[in-house]
């Protein structure tokens, strides 16, 4: 067998969510690791420099190199150090994969799961961060509430119409991308941090809460009976938390590998490593590789009656060969 592919996700998020798995994908072994630096950007940059050229692909978590939304791309000033820290190994933040995967999850919900989405009330915690998903929900006929200003800037103003949301992105993002990233997305906040339930009416009025799990969880009321969550990275602990709150359906846009779902940055890095590429792939190449590898959204009906009725959840057609 050929040499094992090495994929390393370095995140400025909590080290308590570190994880490692070795998989066999398309006849090749791939070791996928995630390492958090607990908010220390200097330490993250140091690790990138130290391991540059020693792994096949890097994932960058907890911060974006750039965001692609509403037809434009915005580069974050604080992320420049990570791009400069590597010369030999490709570094992926998940943005190249988000458009393809997170938009397709809405199609997956409708076509593969048979869910009627038209008219569903969707609370999108940040449309700019998940524009592909937000756009797909708009196109599916959902009643959208985009809370970018509340979750990102602390301003309690909701965006509802697609055109208004696009205008907000075009006007504010050139300014926002210059801000310290920790103001927008505090990396030191862990998924295990205490929840202060706020804005209960906002959650109560939604059928679906979608977006980054840190935001989804941030102000979640205790009673979320019957609601659906569409998000990214979740641990087994996160699944238990959502089940206890009454969440009916949990869909993660990336597959669950040995008990947890990795972020899009790590999945994108895995696909780039599998392709032997030195830069991000084209959207069509990601879609092709996702299908060949068997990576699919992870579906969990979290309440007992729904679990029995829905049958087995979706899972990637991959074989874990060892884990740590």
Protein backbone atom coordinates (compact mmCIF):
# COMPACT_ATOMS: atom_id res chain seq x y z
CA UNK A 1 0.00 0.00 0.00
CA UNK A 2 1.19 3.53 -0.79
CA UNK A 3 2.44 5.80 1.99
CA UNK A 4 -0.25 7.08 4.32
CA UNK A 5 -1.67 10.52 3.55
CA UNK A 6 -1.34 12.98 6.42
CA UNK A 7 -4.02 15.64 6.96
CA UNK A 8 -3.68 18.05 9.88
CA UNK A 9 -6.34 20.51 10.95
CA UNK A 10 -4.96 23.27 13.16
CA UNK A 11 -7.68 25.30 14.84
CA UNK A 12 -7.56 28.35 17.06
CA UNK A 13 -10.50 26.76 18.88
CA UNK A 14 -10.44 24.58 21.97
CA UNK A 15 -7.98 21.70 22.29
CA UNK A 16 -10.68 19.77 24.15
CA UNK A 17 -12.19 18.89 20.79
CA UNK A 18 -8.99 17.38 19.38
CA UNK A 19 -9.54 14.16 17.47
CA UNK A 20 -7.66 11.71 15.28
CA UNK A 21 -8.83 8.97 12.95
CA UNK A 22 -7.16 6.78 10.33
CA UNK A 23 -9.38 5.86 7.39
CA UNK A 24 -9.07 3.88 4.22
CA UNK A 25 -10.34 5.99 1.33
CA UNK A 26 -10.22 4.80 -2.28
CA UNK A 27 -7.61 2.21 -1.34
CA UNK A 28 -5.36 4.72 0.45
CA UNK A 29 -4.84 5.19 4.17
CA UNK A 30 -5.41 8.73 5.43
CA UNK A 31 -4.62 9.97 8.92
CA UNK A 32 -6.82 12.93 9.84
CA UNK A 33 -5.94 14.97 12.93
CA UNK A 34 -7.44 18.07 14.51
CA UNK A 35 -5.39 20.15 16.99
CA UNK A 36 -6.72 23.22 18.80
CA UNK A 37 -4.64 26.05 20.26
CA UNK A 38 -7.23 27.48 22.67
CA UNK A 39 -7.37 30.88 21.00
CA UNK A 40 -3.60 31.30 20.61
CA UNK A 41 -3.06 32.52 17.04
CA UNK A 42 0.72 32.76 17.49
CA UNK A 43 0.88 29.10 18.51
CA UNK A 44 -1.23 28.12 15.51
CA UNK A 45 1.10 29.99 13.17
CA UNK A 46 4.10 28.33 14.84
CA UNK A 47 2.63 24.87 14.23
CA UNK A 48 1.95 25.67 10.59
CA UNK A 49 5.55 26.79 10.09
CA UNK A 50 7.00 23.79 11.96
CA UNK A 51 4.99 21.21 10.00
CA UNK A 52 5.01 22.88 6.59
CA UNK A 53 6.06 20.29 4.01
CA UNK A 54 5.68 17.43 6.51
CA UNK A 55 1.96 16.78 5.91
CA UNK A 56 -0.05 16.52 2.70
CA UNK A 57 -2.62 19.21 3.52
CA UNK A 58 -3.48 21.60 6.33
CA UNK A 59 -6.95 22.56 7.50
CA UNK A 60 -7.36 25.95 9.19
CA UNK A 61 -10.14 26.01 11.79
CA UNK A 62 -11.68 28.64 14.02
CA UNK A 63 -10.93 31.43 11.55
CA UNK A 64 -11.47 31.94 7.84
CA UNK A 65 -8.83 32.98 5.35
CA UNK A 66 -11.70 34.47 3.38
CA UNK A 67 -15.47 34.35 2.95
CA UNK A 68 -17.27 34.00 -0.36
CA UNK A 69 -20.74 35.49 -0.18
CA UNK A 70 -23.21 37.31 -2.38
CA UNK A 71 -20.93 37.10 -5.41
CA UNK A 72 -17.80 38.49 -3.76
CA UNK A 73 -14.82 37.26 -1.75
CA UNK A 74 -13.55 38.92 1.41
CA UNK A 75 -10.12 38.24 2.98
CA UNK A 76 -9.66 38.61 6.74
CA UNK A 77 -6.70 40.68 7.91
CA UNK A 78 -6.07 38.48 10.97
CA UNK A 79 -5.72 35.34 8.84
CA UNK A 80 -2.88 36.71 6.71
CA UNK A 81 -0.27 35.29 9.12
CA UNK A 82 -1.43 31.73 8.45
CA UNK A 83 -1.22 32.06 4.70
CA UNK A 84 2.31 33.45 5.06
CA UNK A 85 3.35 30.67 7.48
CA UNK A 86 3.25 27.92 4.85
CA UNK A 87 5.11 27.56 1.58
CA UNK A 88 5.01 23.88 0.67
CA UNK A 89 1.77 22.45 2.08
CA UNK A 90 -1.66 23.58 0.84
CA UNK A 91 -3.76 25.27 3.55
CA UNK A 92 -7.56 25.04 3.32
CA UNK A 93 -10.10 26.86 5.47
CA UNK A 94 -13.17 25.07 4.13
CA UNK A 95 -14.42 28.00 2.05
CA UNK A 96 -13.78 26.16 -1.21
CA UNK A 97 -15.96 23.29 -0.03
CA UNK A 98 -18.70 25.22 1.74
CA UNK A 99 -20.47 26.39 -1.39
CA UNK A 100 -20.74 22.89 -2.82
CA UNK A 101 -21.43 20.95 0.39
CA UNK A 102 -23.54 23.36 2.41
CA UNK A 103 -25.79 24.30 -0.49
CA UNK A 104 -26.20 20.64 -1.40
CA UNK A 105 -27.32 19.74 2.12
CA UNK A 106 -30.58 21.61 1.46
CA UNK A 107 -31.12 19.56 -1.70
CA UNK A 108 -30.23 16.46 0.33
CA UNK A 109 -32.88 17.31 2.92
CA UNK A 110 -35.55 17.70 0.27
CA UNK A 111 -34.68 14.97 -2.22
CA UNK A 112 -32.90 12.30 -0.17
CA UNK A 113 -34.78 12.67 3.11
CA UNK A 114 -38.10 13.70 1.56
CA UNK A 115 -38.52 16.74 3.80
CA UNK A 116 -40.89 19.52 2.73
CA UNK A 117 -38.92 22.75 3.22
CA UNK A 118 -41.19 25.29 1.51
CA UNK A 119 -42.54 27.71 4.10
CA UNK A 120 -40.28 26.42 6.88
CA UNK A 121 -39.07 29.23 9.13
CA UNK A 122 -35.26 29.19 9.16
CA UNK A 123 -33.10 31.04 11.67
CA UNK A 124 -29.75 31.43 9.90
CA UNK A 125 -27.25 32.46 12.55
CA UNK A 126 -24.87 33.95 9.97
CA UNK A 127 -25.71 33.98 6.28
CA UNK A 128 -22.37 35.51 5.29
CA UNK A 129 -20.53 32.57 6.85
CA UNK A 130 -22.77 29.96 5.20
CA UNK A 131 -23.87 31.77 2.06
CA UNK A 132 -24.29 28.62 -0.04
CA UNK A 133 -26.64 27.17 2.54
CA UNK A 134 -28.52 30.43 3.06
CA UNK A 135 -29.02 30.88 -0.68
CA UNK A 136 -30.27 27.30 -1.01
CA UNK A 137 -32.81 27.83 1.80
CA UNK A 138 -34.01 31.01 0.07
CA UNK A 139 -34.41 29.10 -3.19
CA UNK A 140 -36.29 26.29 -1.41
CA UNK A 141 -38.98 28.79 -0.44
CA UNK A 142 -38.12 29.04 3.25
CA UNK A 143 -39.10 31.99 5.44
CA UNK A 144 -35.63 33.30 6.31
CA UNK A 145 -34.36 35.22 9.32
CA UNK A 146 -30.63 35.98 9.04
CA UNK A 147 -29.12 37.02 12.38
CA UNK A 148 -25.66 38.09 11.18
CA UNK A 149 -25.81 41.44 12.95
CA UNK A 150 -26.86 39.90 16.27
CA UNK A 151 -24.44 36.96 16.44
CA UNK A 152 -21.52 38.70 14.74
CA UNK A 153 -21.83 42.33 15.85
CA UNK A 154 -24.19 42.24 18.84
CA UNK A 155 -26.80 44.40 17.08
CA UNK A 156 -30.34 43.03 17.36
CA UNK A 157 -31.44 43.64 13.78
CA UNK A 158 -32.69 40.77 11.61
CA UNK A 159 -32.28 40.45 7.85
CA UNK A 160 -35.09 38.71 6.02
CA UNK A 161 -35.22 39.43 2.30
CA UNK A 162 -32.41 38.05 0.17
CA UNK A 163 -31.73 41.38 -1.50
CA UNK A 164 -31.46 43.11 1.88
CA UNK A 165 -29.04 40.45 3.12
CA UNK A 166 -26.88 40.82 0.00
CA UNK A 167 -26.81 44.61 0.45
CA UNK A 168 -25.77 44.21 4.10
CA UNK A 169 -22.90 41.91 3.06
CA UNK A 170 -21.66 44.25 0.33
CA UNK A 171 -21.73 47.31 2.59
CA UNK A 172 -20.36 45.95 5.86
CA UNK A 173 -17.98 43.13 4.94
CA UNK A 174 -15.21 45.43 3.62
CA UNK A 175 -15.17 46.96 7.12
CA UNK A 176 -15.77 43.76 9.11
CA UNK A 177 -12.88 41.89 7.47
CA UNK A 178 -10.47 44.43 8.99
CA UNK A 179 -11.67 43.80 12.56
CA UNK A 180 -9.86 41.48 14.99
CA UNK A 181 -11.41 38.11 14.23
CA UNK A 182 -11.93 37.34 17.93
CA UNK A 183 -14.46 40.17 18.08
CA UNK A 184 -16.58 38.33 15.54
CA UNK A 185 -15.95 34.74 16.62
CA UNK A 186 -14.27 34.34 20.04
CA UNK A 187 -12.06 31.28 19.67
CA UNK A 188 -11.68 30.76 23.40
CA UNK A 189 -15.40 30.03 23.79
CA UNK A 190 -15.75 26.26 23.97
CA UNK A 191 -18.77 24.15 23.12
CA UNK A 192 -18.87 23.24 26.81
CA UNK A 193 -19.16 26.86 27.99
CA UNK A 194 -22.20 27.88 29.99
CA UNK A 195 -25.27 28.86 28.00
CA UNK A 196 -27.23 31.98 28.85
CA UNK A 197 -30.60 31.54 27.15
CA UNK A 198 -31.39 34.81 25.39
CA UNK A 199 -33.79 35.85 22.66
CA UNK A 200 -36.13 32.88 23.30
CA UNK A 201 -38.76 34.27 20.92
CA UNK A 202 -36.23 34.20 18.07
CA UNK A 203 -35.61 30.48 18.63
CA UNK A 204 -39.28 29.71 19.33
CA UNK A 205 -40.41 31.23 16.03
CA UNK A 206 -38.01 29.07 13.98
CA UNK A 207 -38.57 25.56 12.66
CA UNK A 208 -34.92 25.15 11.62
CA UNK A 209 -31.82 26.67 13.22
CA UNK A 210 -28.89 26.62 10.81
CA UNK A 211 -25.29 27.77 10.97
CA UNK A 212 -22.05 27.34 12.86
CA UNK A 213 -22.60 25.16 15.92
CA UNK A 214 -21.03 27.69 18.30
CA UNK A 215 -23.67 30.23 17.28
CA UNK A 216 -26.50 27.66 17.16
CA UNK A 217 -25.76 26.67 20.74
CA UNK A 218 -24.87 30.11 22.11
CA UNK A 219 -28.26 31.29 23.41
CA UNK A 220 -30.33 28.13 22.94
CA UNK A 221 -33.37 27.88 25.27
CA UNK A 222 -33.93 24.70 27.25
CA UNK A 223 -37.08 23.75 25.34
CA UNK A 224 -36.35 23.18 21.64
CA UNK A 225 -38.91 20.41 21.20
CA UNK A 226 -39.48 19.37 17.60
CA UNK A 227 -36.97 21.73 16.02
CA UNK A 228 -34.31 20.86 13.46
CA UNK A 229 -30.65 21.89 13.53
CA UNK A 230 -28.40 22.04 10.45
CA UNK A 231 -24.81 22.72 11.42
CA UNK A 232 -21.17 21.76 10.98
CA UNK A 233 -18.90 20.23 13.62
CA UNK A 234 -20.48 18.30 16.49
CA UNK A 235 -19.09 15.93 19.09
CA UNK A 236 -20.92 13.09 20.83
CA UNK A 237 -21.38 15.49 23.76
CA UNK A 238 -22.99 18.05 21.46
CA UNK A 239 -25.41 15.44 20.12
CA UNK A 240 -26.44 14.53 23.68
CA UNK A 241 -26.91 18.23 24.51
CA UNK A 242 -29.20 18.76 21.51
CA UNK A 243 -31.16 15.61 22.28
CA UNK A 244 -31.72 16.80 25.85
CA UNK A 245 -33.00 20.15 24.58
CA UNK A 246 -35.61 18.34 22.49
CA UNK A 247 -34.08 18.78 19.03
CA UNK A 248 -35.85 16.38 16.70
CA UNK A 249 -33.47 16.29 13.74
CA UNK A 250 -29.74 17.02 13.58
CA UNK A 251 -27.99 17.24 10.22
CA UNK A 252 -24.28 17.94 10.01
CA UNK A 253 -22.94 18.98 6.64
CA UNK A 254 -19.86 16.78 7.02
CA UNK A 255 -19.84 13.07 7.91
CA UNK A 256 -19.34 11.71 11.42
CA UNK A 257 -16.01 9.89 11.65
CA UNK A 258 -15.49 7.78 14.76
CA UNK A 259 -18.03 9.67 16.85
CA UNK A 260 -17.59 13.26 15.70
CA UNK A 261 -17.92 15.34 12.57
CA UNK A 262 -14.88 17.26 11.39
CA UNK A 263 -15.17 20.82 10.10
CA UNK A 264 -15.33 21.65 6.41
CA UNK A 265 -11.71 22.84 6.56
CA UNK A 266 -10.51 19.35 7.50
CA UNK A 267 -12.75 17.61 4.97
CA UNK A 268 -11.55 20.00 2.24
CA UNK A 269 -7.95 19.34 3.23
CA UNK A 270 -8.61 15.59 3.08
CA UNK A 271 -9.98 15.83 -0.45
CA UNK A 272 -7.05 17.99 -1.60
CA UNK A 273 -4.62 15.48 -0.08
CA UNK A 274 -6.43 12.58 -1.77
CA UNK A 275 -6.16 14.38 -5.11
CA UNK A 276 -2.45 15.07 -4.56
CA UNK A 277 -3.14 18.74 -5.28
CA UNK A 278 -1.16 21.76 -4.16
CA UNK A 279 -4.11 24.17 -4.13
CA UNK A 280 -7.91 24.14 -3.70
CA UNK A 281 -9.88 22.04 -6.17
CA UNK A 282 -12.67 23.23 -8.42
CA UNK A 283 -16.24 22.79 -7.07
CA UNK A 284 -16.97 20.00 -9.56
CA UNK A 285 -13.85 18.14 -8.40
CA UNK A 286 -14.97 18.35 -4.78
CA UNK A 287 -18.41 17.01 -5.66
CA UNK A 288 -16.88 14.13 -7.64
CA UNK A 289 -14.47 13.16 -4.86
CA UNK A 290 -17.15 13.42 -2.17
CA UNK A 291 -19.25 10.94 -4.12
CA UNK A 292 -16.37 8.56 -4.76
CA UNK A 293 -15.21 8.59 -1.15
CA UNK A 294 -18.74 8.24 0.18
CA UNK A 295 -18.76 11.38 2.34
CA UNK A 296 -22.35 12.47 2.92
CA UNK A 297 -24.21 14.64 5.43
CA UNK A 298 -24.78 12.94 8.76
CA UNK A 299 -28.44 12.57 9.76
CA UNK A 300 -29.65 11.98 13.29
CA UNK A 301 -33.27 11.75 14.42
CA UNK A 302 -32.57 12.41 18.08
CA UNK A 303 -35.84 11.50 19.76
CA UNK A 304 -36.69 7.82 20.25
CA UNK A 305 -39.93 7.80 18.29
CA UNK A 306 -38.30 9.52 15.30
CA UNK A 307 -35.21 7.31 15.43
CA UNK A 308 -37.33 4.18 15.11
CA UNK A 309 -39.47 5.60 12.30
CA UNK A 310 -36.55 6.99 10.29
CA UNK A 311 -34.42 3.86 10.37
CA UNK A 312 -30.63 3.98 10.15
CA UNK A 313 -28.89 7.33 9.77
CA UNK A 314 -26.71 8.10 6.79
CA UNK A 315 -23.01 7.42 7.19
CA UNK A 316 -19.94 7.70 4.98
CA UNK A 317 -18.86 4.59 3.13
CA UNK A 318 -15.39 4.59 4.67
CA UNK A 319 -13.57 2.12 6.86
CA UNK A 320 -11.89 3.33 10.05
CA UNK A 321 -8.68 1.35 10.38
CA UNK A 322 -7.56 2.79 13.71
CA UNK A 323 -8.24 5.72 15.96
CA UNK A 324 -6.57 7.65 18.73
